[in-house]
Amino acid sequence: MNVADNTRELQCLLEKVYDERGFDFREYRESTLTRRISWRLRARGVQTYADYSRVLDKDPGEYERLFDDLTINVNSFFRDEVSFHALEAVVLGCARGSTNRQID
């Protein structure tokens, strides 16, 4: 398959994902998409985006696995020092049986 056909199939796959699930990955860098989607193609034993599209038709649960590979799930709560220390004060206060909980 040539590069133009491959790009066209990728765009069709992304349109399908957007139309069916509302997730818009069309503005992601193509190199990022191809690298991450290639994991799913290998995992499902298919070679083309068109084949993978048919996998999505047969196995709707595959969307979740695809989204996990395409997105980066970041929990920033524990990176927010103020929030973390506020939670720490409450939890430690509860653990100590303190009824006087003060959050700065």
N, C-alpha and C. Protein backbone atom coordinates (compact mmCIF):
# COMPACT_ATOMS: atom_id res chain seq x y z
N MET A 1 0.86 -1.17 0.00
CA MET A 1 0.00 0.00 0.00
C MET A 1 0.90 1.23 0.00
N ASN A 2 0.56 2.21 -0.83
CA ASN A 2 1.40 3.41 -0.88
C ASN A 2 1.01 4.38 0.24
N VAL A 3 1.82 5.41 0.42
CA VAL A 3 1.65 6.35 1.52
C VAL A 3 0.31 7.08 1.43
N ALA A 4 -0.08 7.48 0.23
CA ALA A 4 -1.35 8.21 0.06
C ALA A 4 -2.53 7.34 0.45
N ASP A 5 -2.52 6.07 0.03
CA ASP A 5 -3.61 5.15 0.39
C ASP A 5 -3.64 4.92 1.91
N ASN A 6 -2.46 4.77 2.50
CA ASN A 6 -2.36 4.55 3.94
C ASN A 6 -2.91 5.76 4.70
N THR A 7 -2.56 6.96 4.26
CA THR A 7 -3.04 8.18 4.90
C THR A 7 -4.56 8.30 4.74
N ARG A 8 -5.06 7.95 3.58
CA ARG A 8 -6.50 8.00 3.34
C ARG A 8 -7.24 7.01 4.25
N GLU A 9 -6.70 5.80 4.39
CA GLU A 9 -7.33 4.81 5.28
C GLU A 9 -7.30 5.27 6.73
N LEU A 10 -6.19 5.89 7.13
CA LEU A 10 -6.10 6.41 8.50
C LEU A 10 -7.16 7.49 8.72
N GLN A 11 -7.32 8.39 7.78
CA GLN A 11 -8.32 9.44 7.90
C GLN A 11 -9.73 8.86 7.97
N CYS A 12 -9.99 7.83 7.19
CA CYS A 12 -11.30 7.15 7.24
C CYS A 12 -11.53 6.53 8.61
N LEU A 13 -10.51 5.92 9.17
CA LEU A 13 -10.61 5.33 10.51
C LEU A 13 -10.90 6.42 11.54
N LEU A 14 -10.20 7.53 11.46
CA LEU A 14 -10.41 8.62 12.41
C LEU A 14 -11.80 9.22 12.27
N GLU A 15 -12.30 9.32 11.04
CA GLU A 15 -13.67 9.80 10.82
C GLU A 15 -14.67 8.84 11.44
N LYS A 16 -14.42 7.55 11.29
CA LYS A 16 -15.30 6.52 11.88
C LYS A 16 -15.35 6.67 13.40
N VAL A 17 -14.19 6.82 14.01
CA VAL A 17 -14.10 6.97 15.47
C VAL A 17 -14.87 8.21 15.91
N TYR A 18 -14.70 9.30 15.17
CA TYR A 18 -15.40 10.54 15.51
C TYR A 18 -16.91 10.38 15.33
N ASP A 19 -17.32 9.83 14.19
CA ASP A 19 -18.75 9.68 13.90
C ASP A 19 -19.44 8.74 14.88
N GLU A 20 -18.77 7.66 15.25
CA GLU A 20 -19.42 6.65 16.09
C GLU A 20 -19.26 6.88 17.58
N ARG A 21 -18.16 7.52 17.99
CA ARG A 21 -17.90 7.68 19.42
C ARG A 21 -17.69 9.13 19.86
N GLY A 22 -17.56 10.05 18.91
CA GLY A 22 -17.43 11.46 19.26
C GLY A 22 -16.05 11.89 19.70
N PHE A 23 -15.07 11.02 19.59
CA PHE A 23 -13.70 11.37 19.95
C PHE A 23 -12.99 11.84 18.69
N ASP A 24 -12.41 13.03 18.76
CA ASP A 24 -11.80 13.63 17.58
C ASP A 24 -10.27 13.60 17.68
N PHE A 25 -9.69 12.65 16.99
CA PHE A 25 -8.24 12.52 16.97
C PHE A 25 -7.66 13.04 15.65
N ARG A 26 -8.49 13.68 14.83
CA ARG A 26 -8.08 14.09 13.49
C ARG A 26 -6.99 15.14 13.49
N GLU A 27 -6.82 15.87 14.57
CA GLU A 27 -5.79 16.91 14.63
C GLU A 27 -4.51 16.43 15.30
N TYR A 28 -4.48 15.18 15.73
CA TYR A 28 -3.26 14.62 16.31
C TYR A 28 -2.20 14.50 15.21
N ARG A 29 -0.96 14.52 15.61
CA ARG A 29 0.13 14.32 14.64
C ARG A 29 0.02 12.92 14.06
N GLU A 30 0.16 12.84 12.76
CA GLU A 30 0.02 11.55 12.08
C GLU A 30 1.04 10.53 12.58
N SER A 31 2.27 10.99 12.85
CA SER A 31 3.29 10.05 13.34
C SER A 31 2.89 9.46 14.69
N THR A 32 2.28 10.27 15.55
CA THR A 32 1.82 9.78 16.85
C THR A 32 0.69 8.78 16.67
N LEU A 33 -0.26 9.12 15.81
CA LEU A 33 -1.39 8.23 15.57
C LEU A 33 -0.93 6.89 15.00
N THR A 34 -0.09 6.94 13.99
CA THR A 34 0.32 5.68 13.35
C THR A 34 1.08 4.80 14.33
N ARG A 35 1.91 5.41 15.16
CA ARG A 35 2.68 4.62 16.13
C ARG A 35 1.75 3.97 17.15
N ARG A 36 0.81 4.73 17.67
CA ARG A 36 -0.07 4.21 18.72
C ARG A 36 -1.12 3.23 18.18
N ILE A 37 -1.66 3.53 17.01
CA ILE A 37 -2.66 2.63 16.43
C ILE A 37 -2.00 1.33 15.97
N SER A 38 -0.73 1.41 15.58
CA SER A 38 -0.05 0.18 15.14
C SER A 38 -0.02 -0.88 16.24
N TRP A 39 -0.01 -0.44 17.51
CA TRP A 39 -0.08 -1.40 18.63
C TRP A 39 -1.38 -2.19 18.57
N ARG A 40 -2.47 -1.50 18.29
CA ARG A 40 -3.76 -2.17 18.22
C ARG A 40 -3.85 -3.09 17.01
N LEU A 41 -3.29 -2.66 15.88
CA LEU A 41 -3.32 -3.51 14.69
C LEU A 41 -2.58 -4.82 14.97
N ARG A 42 -1.41 -4.71 15.56
CA ARG A 42 -0.63 -5.92 15.87
C ARG A 42 -1.36 -6.79 16.88
N ALA A 43 -1.94 -6.15 17.90
CA ALA A 43 -2.64 -6.91 18.94
C ALA A 43 -3.83 -7.67 18.37
N ARG A 44 -4.47 -7.11 17.35
CA ARG A 44 -5.64 -7.75 16.75
C ARG A 44 -5.30 -8.57 15.51
N GLY A 45 -4.03 -8.58 15.14
CA GLY A 45 -3.59 -9.42 14.02
C GLY A 45 -4.06 -8.94 12.66
N VAL A 46 -4.19 -7.63 12.51
CA VAL A 46 -4.58 -7.07 11.22
C VAL A 46 -3.46 -6.17 10.69
N GLN A 47 -3.51 -5.88 9.40
CA GLN A 47 -2.42 -5.15 8.78
C GLN A 47 -2.78 -3.75 8.33
N THR A 48 -4.06 -3.49 8.08
CA THR A 48 -4.44 -2.19 7.53
C THR A 48 -5.46 -1.51 8.43
N TYR A 49 -5.59 -0.20 8.24
CA TYR A 49 -6.59 0.55 8.99
C TYR A 49 -8.00 0.12 8.59
N ALA A 50 -8.18 -0.24 7.35
CA ALA A 50 -9.50 -0.71 6.90
C ALA A 50 -9.85 -2.02 7.62
N ASP A 51 -8.87 -2.91 7.75
CA ASP A 51 -9.10 -4.15 8.50
C ASP A 51 -9.44 -3.86 9.96
N TYR A 52 -8.73 -2.89 10.52
CA TYR A 52 -8.96 -2.54 11.92
C TYR A 52 -10.35 -1.92 12.09
N SER A 53 -10.78 -1.16 11.11
CA SER A 53 -12.13 -0.60 11.15
C SER A 53 -13.17 -1.70 11.24
N ARG A 54 -12.95 -2.79 10.53
CA ARG A 54 -13.87 -3.93 10.60
C ARG A 54 -13.80 -4.60 11.98
N VAL A 55 -12.62 -4.60 12.60
CA VAL A 55 -12.50 -5.12 13.96
C VAL A 55 -13.38 -4.30 14.90
N LEU A 56 -13.35 -2.98 14.74
CA LEU A 56 -14.18 -2.11 15.58
C LEU A 56 -15.66 -2.40 15.38
N ASP A 57 -16.04 -2.72 14.14
CA ASP A 57 -17.44 -3.06 13.87
C ASP A 57 -17.85 -4.34 14.60
N LYS A 58 -16.97 -5.31 14.64
CA LYS A 58 -17.29 -6.61 15.24
C LYS A 58 -17.13 -6.62 16.76
N ASP A 59 -16.22 -5.77 17.26
CA ASP A 59 -15.92 -5.77 18.69
C ASP A 59 -15.94 -4.34 19.23
N PRO A 60 -17.11 -3.83 19.61
CA PRO A 60 -17.20 -2.45 20.10
C PRO A 60 -16.31 -2.17 21.32
N GLY A 61 -15.97 -3.20 22.07
CA GLY A 61 -15.06 -3.03 23.21
C GLY A 61 -13.66 -2.62 22.79
N GLU A 62 -13.35 -2.84 21.54
CA GLU A 62 -12.03 -2.46 21.03
C GLU A 62 -11.84 -0.95 21.04
N TYR A 63 -12.94 -0.21 20.97
CA TYR A 63 -12.82 1.25 21.03
C TYR A 63 -12.12 1.68 22.32
N GLU A 64 -12.49 1.08 23.42
CA GLU A 64 -11.90 1.43 24.72
C GLU A 64 -10.39 1.17 24.72
N ARG A 65 -10.00 0.04 24.17
CA ARG A 65 -8.58 -0.28 24.10
C ARG A 65 -7.85 0.70 23.17
N LEU A 66 -8.48 1.07 22.08
CA LEU A 66 -7.90 2.05 21.18
C LEU A 66 -7.73 3.39 21.88
N PHE A 67 -8.75 3.84 22.59
CA PHE A 67 -8.68 5.12 23.28
C PHE A 67 -7.60 5.11 24.35
N ASP A 68 -7.45 3.98 25.03
CA ASP A 68 -6.38 3.87 26.03
C ASP A 68 -5.01 4.05 25.39
N ASP A 69 -4.84 3.54 24.18
CA ASP A 69 -3.55 3.67 23.50
C ASP A 69 -3.36 5.06 22.89
N LEU A 70 -4.44 5.73 22.55
CA LEU A 70 -4.33 7.05 21.91
C LEU A 70 -4.24 8.20 22.90
N THR A 71 -4.77 7.99 24.09
CA THR A 71 -4.79 9.08 25.06
C THR A 71 -3.78 8.84 26.17
N ILE A 72 -3.40 9.93 26.78
CA ILE A 72 -2.49 9.85 27.92
C ILE A 72 -3.32 10.26 29.13
N ASN A 73 -3.53 9.34 30.03
CA ASN A 73 -4.34 9.61 31.21
C ASN A 73 -3.43 10.15 32.32
N VAL A 74 -3.63 11.39 32.65
CA VAL A 74 -2.80 12.05 33.66
C VAL A 74 -3.68 12.47 34.82
N ASN A 75 -3.29 12.09 36.00
CA ASN A 75 -3.97 12.54 37.20
C ASN A 75 -3.11 13.63 37.80
N SER A 76 -3.53 14.86 37.64
CA SER A 76 -2.71 15.97 38.11
C SER A 76 -2.98 16.32 39.58
N PHE A 77 -3.98 15.69 40.18
CA PHE A 77 -4.31 16.02 41.56
C PHE A 77 -3.10 15.89 42.48
N PHE A 78 -2.39 14.78 42.41
CA PHE A 78 -1.28 14.57 43.32
C PHE A 78 -0.04 15.36 42.92
N ARG A 79 -0.11 16.04 41.80
CA ARG A 79 0.97 16.94 41.40
C ARG A 79 0.69 18.36 41.87
N ASP A 80 -0.50 18.60 42.39
CA ASP A 80 -0.88 19.91 42.91
C ASP A 80 -0.59 19.89 44.41
N GLU A 81 0.51 20.52 44.78
CA GLU A 81 0.99 20.43 46.15
C GLU A 81 -0.03 20.94 47.17
N VAL A 82 -0.72 22.03 46.86
CA VAL A 82 -1.71 22.58 47.80
C VAL A 82 -2.83 21.58 48.04
N SER A 83 -3.36 21.00 46.97
CA SER A 83 -4.45 20.02 47.11
C SER A 83 -3.98 18.78 47.86
N PHE A 84 -2.79 18.33 47.54
CA PHE A 84 -2.27 17.13 48.19
C PHE A 84 -2.11 17.35 49.69
N HIS A 85 -1.57 18.49 50.09
CA HIS A 85 -1.37 18.74 51.52
C HIS A 85 -2.71 18.95 52.24
N ALA A 86 -3.70 19.51 51.56
CA ALA A 86 -5.03 19.65 52.17
C ALA A 86 -5.62 18.27 52.43
N LEU A 87 -5.52 17.39 51.45
CA LEU A 87 -6.02 16.02 51.63
C LEU A 87 -5.23 15.32 52.73
N GLU A 88 -3.95 15.51 52.73
CA GLU A 88 -3.08 14.89 53.74
C GLU A 88 -3.52 15.30 55.14
N ALA A 89 -3.82 16.58 55.34
CA ALA A 89 -4.23 17.06 56.65
C ALA A 89 -5.54 16.41 57.10
N VAL A 90 -6.49 16.29 56.18
CA VAL A 90 -7.77 15.69 56.51
C VAL A 90 -7.61 14.20 56.82
N VAL A 91 -6.88 13.50 55.98
CA VAL A 91 -6.71 12.06 56.18
C VAL A 91 -5.95 11.77 57.46
N LEU A 92 -4.88 12.48 57.69
CA LEU A 92 -4.12 12.26 58.93
C LEU A 92 -4.95 12.64 60.16
N GLY A 93 -5.74 13.70 60.04
CA GLY A 93 -6.63 14.08 61.14
C GLY A 93 -7.64 12.99 61.44
N CYS A 94 -8.20 12.41 60.41
CA CYS A 94 -9.16 11.31 60.59
C CYS A 94 -8.48 10.09 61.18
N ALA A 95 -7.29 9.80 60.71
CA ALA A 95 -6.55 8.64 61.21
C ALA A 95 -6.21 8.78 62.68
N ARG A 96 -5.99 9.99 63.10
CA ARG A 96 -5.65 10.24 64.51
C ARG A 96 -6.90 10.41 65.37
N GLY A 97 -8.07 10.42 64.74
CA GLY A 97 -9.31 10.59 65.46
C GLY A 97 -9.59 12.01 65.84
N SER A 98 -8.94 12.93 65.18
CA SER A 98 -9.11 14.35 65.47
C SER A 98 -10.47 14.83 65.00
N THR A 99 -11.14 15.59 65.84
CA THR A 99 -12.41 16.18 65.44
C THR A 99 -12.20 17.63 64.99
N ASN A 100 -11.04 18.17 65.23
CA ASN A 100 -10.73 19.53 64.85
C ASN A 100 -9.86 19.50 63.59
N ARG A 101 -10.54 19.51 62.45
CA ARG A 101 -9.83 19.45 61.19
C ARG A 101 -9.74 20.83 60.60
N GLN A 102 -8.54 21.29 60.40
CA GLN A 102 -8.34 22.61 59.81
C GLN A 102 -7.51 22.48 58.57
N ILE A 103 -8.01 23.08 57.50
CA ILE A 103 -7.29 23.06 56.24
C ILE A 103 -6.81 24.47 55.97
N ASP A 104 -5.52 24.58 55.75
CA ASP A 104 -4.95 25.91 55.45
C ASP A 104 -5.24 26.32 54.03
